[in-house]
Amino acid sequence: MLMSSSDKAAKLHYGPSTFRVLRPGAHVYCAVSGEAIELAELRYWSAERQEAYASCEIATRRLLDQA
């Protein structure tokens, strides 16, 4: 069975205010929780760490953990 790009995780490059799709896919995984995040729902990431986060709470916790 062939997998379509909608079944695969995307590979993104995270910038300070936007991201660029390097490999098409429907979702990425939260770096902390492992939860799949649909690209249309992706709002939180770290350009410095090149990580995506499922929620603002998770993103804030990750930011505070690195201090």
PDB file of N, CA and C in Angstrom:
ATOM      1  N   MET A   1       0.842  -1.178   0.000  1.00  0.00           N
ATOM      2  CA  MET A   1       0.000   0.000   0.000  1.00  0.00           C
ATOM      3  C   MET A   1       0.887   1.242   0.000  1.00  0.00           C
ATOM      4  N   LEU A   2       0.634   2.153  -0.903  1.00  0.00           N
ATOM      5  CA  LEU A   2       1.386   3.394  -0.981  1.00  0.00           C
ATOM      6  C   LEU A   2       0.806   4.412  -0.015  1.00  0.00           C
ATOM      7  N   MET A   3       1.704   5.159   0.612  1.00  0.00           N
ATOM      8  CA  MET A   3       1.252   6.211   1.522  1.00  0.00           C
ATOM      9  C   MET A   3       1.253   7.533   0.775  1.00  0.00           C
ATOM     10  N   SER A   4       0.200   8.299   0.934  1.00  0.00           N
ATOM     11  CA  SER A   4       0.173   9.634   0.341  1.00  0.00           C
ATOM     12  C   SER A   4       0.857  10.601   1.293  1.00  0.00           C
ATOM     13  N   SER A   5       1.162  11.802   0.816  1.00  0.00           N
ATOM     14  CA  SER A   5       1.816  12.792   1.678  1.00  0.00           C
ATOM     15  C   SER A   5       0.916  13.203   2.831  1.00  0.00           C
ATOM     16  N   SER A   6      -0.393  12.972   2.702  1.00  0.00           N
ATOM     17  CA  SER A   6      -1.295  13.317   3.798  1.00  0.00           C
ATOM     18  C   SER A   6      -1.186  12.337   4.956  1.00  0.00           C
ATOM     19  N   ASP A   7      -0.544  11.184   4.726  1.00  0.00           N
ATOM     20  CA  ASP A   7      -0.353  10.199   5.781  1.00  0.00           C
ATOM     21  C   ASP A   7       0.986  10.369   6.485  1.00  0.00           C
ATOM     22  N   LYS A   8       1.882  11.147   5.896  1.00  0.00           N
ATOM     23  CA  LYS A   8       3.244  11.280   6.403  1.00  0.00           C
ATOM     24  C   LYS A   8       3.413  12.564   7.198  1.00  0.00           C
ATOM     25  N   ALA A   9       4.463  12.571   8.013  1.00  0.00           N
ATOM     26  CA  ALA A   9       4.835  13.787   8.728  1.00  0.00           C
ATOM     27  C   ALA A   9       5.583  14.700   7.762  1.00  0.00           C
ATOM     28  N   ALA A  10       5.316  15.970   7.850  1.00  0.00           N
ATOM     29  CA  ALA A  10       6.021  16.972   7.048  1.00  0.00           C
ATOM     30  C   ALA A  10       7.360  17.266   7.698  1.00  0.00           C
ATOM     31  N   LYS A  11       8.285  17.768   6.918  1.00  0.00           N
ATOM     32  CA  LYS A  11       9.547  18.287   7.445  1.00  0.00           C
ATOM     33  C   LYS A  11       9.526  19.780   7.179  1.00  0.00           C
ATOM     34  N   LEU A  12       9.711  20.562   8.234  1.00  0.00           N
ATOM     35  CA  LEU A  12       9.610  22.013   8.136  1.00  0.00           C
ATOM     36  C   LEU A  12      10.904  22.683   8.575  1.00  0.00           C
ATOM     37  N   HIS A  13      11.119  23.892   8.068  1.00  0.00           N
ATOM     38  CA  HIS A  13      12.148  24.777   8.609  1.00  0.00           C
ATOM     39  C   HIS A  13      11.395  25.908   9.293  1.00  0.00           C
ATOM     40  N   TYR A  14      11.610  26.053  10.597  1.00  0.00           N
ATOM     41  CA  TYR A  14      10.882  27.045  11.388  1.00  0.00           C
ATOM     42  C   TYR A  14      11.648  28.356  11.411  1.00  0.00           C
ATOM     43  N   GLY A  15      10.991  29.423  10.994  1.00  0.00           N
ATOM     44  CA  GLY A  15      11.560  30.760  11.065  1.00  0.00           C
ATOM     45  C   GLY A  15      10.939  31.505  12.231  1.00  0.00           C
ATOM     46  N   PRO A  16      11.329  32.757  12.435  1.00  0.00           N
ATOM     47  CA  PRO A  16      10.818  33.524  13.568  1.00  0.00           C
ATOM     48  C   PRO A  16       9.312  33.788  13.508  1.00  0.00           C
ATOM     49  N   SER A  17       8.740  33.887  12.315  1.00  0.00           N
ATOM     50  CA  SER A  17       7.310  34.189  12.238  1.00  0.00           C
ATOM     51  C   SER A  17       6.549  33.281  11.287  1.00  0.00           C
ATOM     52  N   THR A  18       7.245  32.393  10.606  1.00  0.00           N
ATOM     53  CA  THR A  18       6.597  31.481   9.672  1.00  0.00           C
ATOM     54  C   THR A  18       7.454  30.232   9.527  1.00  0.00           C
ATOM     55  N   PHE A  19       6.928  29.254   8.840  1.00  0.00           N
ATOM     56  CA  PHE A  19       7.716  28.057   8.563  1.00  0.00           C
ATOM     57  C   PHE A  19       7.680  27.754   7.081  1.00  0.00           C
ATOM     58  N   ARG A  20       8.681  27.024   6.627  1.00  0.00           N
ATOM     59  CA  ARG A  20       8.793  26.644   5.220  1.00  0.00           C
ATOM     60  C   ARG A  20       8.733  25.127   5.135  1.00  0.00           C
ATOM     61  N   VAL A  21       7.956  24.605   4.224  1.00  0.00           N
ATOM     62  CA  VAL A  21       7.808  23.161   4.054  1.00  0.00           C
ATOM     63  C   VAL A  21       8.980  22.643   3.233  1.00  0.00           C
ATOM     64  N   LEU A  22       9.762  21.744   3.826  1.00  0.00           N
ATOM     65  CA  LEU A  22      10.882  21.124   3.135  1.00  0.00           C
ATOM     66  C   LEU A  22      10.472  19.787   2.519  1.00  0.00           C
ATOM     67  N   ARG A  23       9.569  19.081   3.190  1.00  0.00           N
ATOM     68  CA  ARG A  23       9.017  17.825   2.687  1.00  0.00           C
ATOM     69  C   ARG A  23       7.529  17.830   2.995  1.00  0.00           C
ATOM     70  N   PRO A  24       6.677  17.701   1.988  1.00  0.00           N
ATOM     71  CA  PRO A  24       5.229  17.755   2.206  1.00  0.00           C
ATOM     72  C   PRO A  24       4.733  16.674   3.152  1.00  0.00           C
ATOM     73  N   GLY A  25       3.700  17.002   3.850  1.00  0.00           N
ATOM     74  CA  GLY A  25       3.040  16.083   4.758  1.00  0.00           C
ATOM     75  C   GLY A  25       1.861  16.783   5.400  1.00  0.00           C
ATOM     76  N   ALA A  26       1.083  16.044   6.150  1.00  0.00           N
ATOM     77  CA  ALA A  26      -0.127  16.606   6.751  1.00  0.00           C
ATOM     78  C   ALA A  26       0.094  17.138   8.153  1.00  0.00           C
ATOM     79  N   HIS A  27       1.151  16.684   8.812  1.00  0.00           N
ATOM     80  CA  HIS A  27       1.331  17.032  10.213  1.00  0.00           C
ATOM     81  C   HIS A  27       2.811  17.020  10.586  1.00  0.00           C
ATOM     82  N   VAL A  28       3.084  17.542  11.783  1.00  0.00           N
ATOM     83  CA  VAL A  28       4.387  17.421  12.440  1.00  0.00           C
ATOM     84  C   VAL A  28       4.107  16.914  13.839  1.00  0.00           C
ATOM     85  N   TYR A  29       5.148  16.554  14.545  1.00  0.00           N
ATOM     86  CA  TYR A  29       4.975  16.053  15.910  1.00  0.00           C
ATOM     87  C   TYR A  29       5.489  17.055  16.929  1.00  0.00           C
ATOM     88  N   CYS A  30       4.749  17.207  18.010  1.00  0.00           N
ATOM     89  CA  CYS A  30       5.170  18.068  19.111  1.00  0.00           C
ATOM     90  C   CYS A  30       6.461  17.507  19.702  1.00  0.00           C
ATOM     91  N   ALA A  31       7.453  18.359  19.880  1.00  0.00           N
ATOM     92  CA  ALA A  31       8.754  17.944  20.400  1.00  0.00           C
ATOM     93  C   ALA A  31       8.687  17.492  21.852  1.00  0.00           C
ATOM     94  N   VAL A  32       7.668  17.906  22.574  1.00  0.00           N
ATOM     95  CA  VAL A  32       7.552  17.564  23.990  1.00  0.00           C
ATOM     96  C   VAL A  32       6.593  16.402  24.209  1.00  0.00           C
ATOM     97  N   SER A  33       5.387  16.498  23.659  1.00  0.00           N
ATOM     98  CA  SER A  33       4.356  15.493  23.931  1.00  0.00           C
ATOM     99  C   SER A  33       4.298  14.368  22.899  1.00  0.00           C
ATOM    100  N   GLY A  34       4.858  14.601  21.717  1.00  0.00           N
ATOM    101  CA  GLY A  34       4.776  13.613  20.648  1.00  0.00           C
ATOM    102  C   GLY A  34       3.453  13.624  19.904  1.00  0.00           C
ATOM    103  N   GLU A  35       2.569  14.518  20.283  1.00  0.00           N
ATOM    104  CA  GLU A  35       1.247  14.629  19.663  1.00  0.00           C
ATOM    105  C   GLU A  35       1.376  15.125  18.219  1.00  0.00           C
ATOM    106  N   ALA A  36       0.604  14.525  17.316  1.00  0.00           N
ATOM    107  CA  ALA A  36       0.581  14.984  15.927  1.00  0.00           C
ATOM    108  C   ALA A  36      -0.156  16.319  15.849  1.00  0.00           C
ATOM    109  N   ILE A  37       0.407  17.265  15.109  1.00  0.00           N
ATOM    110  CA  ILE A  37      -0.177  18.592  14.934  1.00  0.00           C
ATOM    111  C   ILE A  37      -0.404  18.794  13.439  1.00  0.00           C
ATOM    112  N   GLU A  38      -1.640  18.966  13.043  1.00  0.00           N
ATOM    113  CA  GLU A  38      -1.956  19.245  11.641  1.00  0.00           C
ATOM    114  C   GLU A  38      -1.304  20.580  11.270  1.00  0.00           C
ATOM    115  N   LEU A  39      -0.755  20.669  10.063  1.00  0.00           N
ATOM    116  CA  LEU A  39      -0.074  21.905   9.658  1.00  0.00           C
ATOM    117  C   LEU A  39      -0.991  23.120   9.731  1.00  0.00           C
ATOM    118  N   ALA A  40      -2.255  22.948   9.415  1.00  0.00           N
ATOM    119  CA  ALA A  40      -3.201  24.069   9.481  1.00  0.00           C
ATOM    120  C   ALA A  40      -3.415  24.547  10.910  1.00  0.00           C
ATOM    121  N   GLU A  41      -3.099  23.707  11.891  1.00  0.00           N
ATOM    122  CA  GLU A  41      -3.290  24.047  13.299  1.00  0.00           C
ATOM    123  C   GLU A  41      -1.991  24.447  14.000  1.00  0.00           C
ATOM    124  N   LEU A  42      -0.874  24.373  13.310  1.00  0.00           N
ATOM    125  CA  LEU A  42       0.425  24.660  13.916  1.00  0.00           C
ATOM    126  C   LEU A  42       0.565  26.149  14.198  1.00  0.00           C
ATOM    127  N   ARG A  43       0.706  26.509  15.463  1.00  0.00           N
ATOM    128  CA  ARG A  43       0.818  27.912  15.875  1.00  0.00           C
ATOM    129  C   ARG A  43       2.073  28.197  16.704  1.00  0.00           C
ATOM    130  N   TYR A  44       2.675  27.157  17.293  1.00  0.00           N
ATOM    131  CA  TYR A  44       3.774  27.365  18.246  1.00  0.00           C
ATOM    132  C   TYR A  44       4.983  26.539  17.845  1.00  0.00           C
ATOM    133  N   TRP A  45       6.138  27.210  17.743  1.00  0.00           N
ATOM    134  CA  TRP A  45       7.385  26.516  17.431  1.00  0.00           C
ATOM    135  C   TRP A  45       8.550  27.369  17.883  1.00  0.00           C
ATOM    136  N   SER A  46       9.727  26.762  17.888  1.00  0.00           N
ATOM    137  CA  SER A  46      10.963  27.463  18.208  1.00  0.00           C
ATOM    138  C   SER A  46      11.852  27.467  16.973  1.00  0.00           C
ATOM    139  N   ALA A  47      12.158  28.645  16.462  1.00  0.00           N
ATOM    140  CA  ALA A  47      13.072  28.754  15.327  1.00  0.00           C
ATOM    141  C   ALA A  47      14.487  28.374  15.765  1.00  0.00           C
ATOM    142  N   GLU A  48      14.834  28.709  16.995  1.00  0.00           N
ATOM    143  CA  GLU A  48      16.164  28.398  17.519  1.00  0.00           C
ATOM    144  C   GLU A  48      16.376  26.892  17.655  1.00  0.00           C
ATOM    145  N   ARG A  49      15.388  26.207  18.213  1.00  0.00           N
ATOM    146  CA  ARG A  49      15.499  24.761  18.428  1.00  0.00           C
ATOM    147  C   ARG A  49      14.986  23.930  17.260  1.00  0.00           C
ATOM    148  N   GLN A  50      14.276  24.579  16.322  1.00  0.00           N
ATOM    149  CA  GLN A  50      13.653  23.885  15.190  1.00  0.00           C
ATOM    150  C   GLN A  50      12.717  22.788  15.689  1.00  0.00           C
ATOM    151  N   GLU A  51      11.810  23.181  16.609  1.00  0.00           N
ATOM    152  CA  GLU A  51      10.839  22.272  17.212  1.00  0.00           C
ATOM    153  C   GLU A  51       9.446  22.862  17.133  1.00  0.00           C
ATOM    154  N   ALA A  52       8.460  21.978  17.007  1.00  0.00           N
ATOM    155  CA  ALA A  52       7.050  22.371  17.025  1.00  0.00           C
ATOM    156  C   ALA A  52       6.452  21.996  18.377  1.00  0.00           C
ATOM    157  N   TYR A  53       5.420  22.750  18.786  1.00  0.00           N
ATOM    158  CA  TYR A  53       4.750  22.499  20.067  1.00  0.00           C
ATOM    159  C   TYR A  53       3.243  22.482  19.857  1.00  0.00           C
ATOM    160  N   ALA A  54       2.571  21.607  20.565  1.00  0.00           N
ATOM    161  CA  ALA A  54       1.134  21.405  20.396  1.00  0.00           C
ATOM    162  C   ALA A  54       0.288  22.519  21.010  1.00  0.00           C
ATOM    163  N   SER A  55       0.811  23.247  21.986  1.00  0.00           N
ATOM    164  CA  SER A  55       0.023  24.297  22.644  1.00  0.00           C
ATOM    165  C   SER A  55       0.938  25.387  23.180  1.00  0.00           C
ATOM    166  N   CYS A  56       0.338  26.517  23.538  1.00  0.00           N
ATOM    167  CA  CYS A  56       1.134  27.606  24.112  1.00  0.00           C
ATOM    168  C   CYS A  56       1.688  27.215  25.480  1.00  0.00           C
ATOM    169  N   GLU A  57       0.945  26.403  26.221  1.00  0.00           N
ATOM    170  CA  GLU A  57       1.424  25.948  27.529  1.00  0.00           C
ATOM    171  C   GLU A  57       2.686  25.105  27.387  1.00  0.00           C
ATOM    172  N   ILE A  58       2.680  24.195  26.414  1.00  0.00           N
ATOM    173  CA  ILE A  58       3.847  23.346  26.180  1.00  0.00           C
ATOM    174  C   ILE A  58       5.020  24.184  25.702  1.00  0.00           C
ATOM    175  N   ALA A  59       4.774  25.121  24.803  1.00  0.00           N
ATOM    176  CA  ALA A  59       5.849  25.992  24.296  1.00  0.00           C
ATOM    177  C   ALA A  59       6.463  26.822  25.430  1.00  0.00           C
ATOM    178  N   THR A  60       5.623  27.365  26.289  1.00  0.00           N
ATOM    179  CA  THR A  60       6.116  28.165  27.422  1.00  0.00           C
ATOM    180  C   THR A  60       6.912  27.313  28.382  1.00  0.00           C
ATOM    181  N   ARG A  61       6.424  26.128  28.683  1.00  0.00           N
ATOM    182  CA  ARG A  61       7.148  25.225  29.589  1.00  0.00           C
ATOM    183  C   ARG A  61       8.514  24.875  29.018  1.00  0.00           C
ATOM    184  N   ARG A  62       8.582  24.595  27.720  1.00  0.00           N
ATOM    185  CA  ARG A  62       9.853  24.268  27.077  1.00  0.00           C
ATOM    186  C   ARG A  62      10.807  25.464  27.130  1.00  0.00           C
ATOM    187  N   LEU A  63      10.293  26.651  26.891  1.00  0.00           N
ATOM    188  CA  LEU A  63      11.106  27.875  26.957  1.00  0.00           C
ATOM    189  C   LEU A  63      11.668  28.071  28.367  1.00  0.00           C
ATOM    190  N   LEU A  64      10.837  27.872  29.380  1.00  0.00           N
ATOM    191  CA  LEU A  64      11.269  28.057  30.760  1.00  0.00           C
ATOM    192  C   LEU A  64      12.255  26.965  31.188  1.00  0.00           C
ATOM    193  N   ASP A  65      12.126  25.770  30.645  1.00  0.00           N
ATOM    194  CA  ASP A  65      13.043  24.666  30.980  1.00  0.00           C
ATOM    195  C   ASP A  65      14.449  24.922  30.462  1.00  0.00           C
ATOM    196  N   GLN A  66      14.572  25.690  29.376  1.00  0.00           N
ATOM    197  CA  GLN A  66      15.895  25.939  28.801  1.00  0.00           C
ATOM    198  C   GLN A  66      16.644  27.062  29.514  1.00  0.00           C
ATOM    199  N   ALA A  67      15.948  27.806  30.371  1.00  0.00           N
ATOM    200  CA  ALA A  67      16.586  28.939  31.067  1.00  0.00           C
ATOM    201  C   ALA A  67      17.533  28.476  32.149  1.00  0.00           C
TER     202      ALA A  67
END
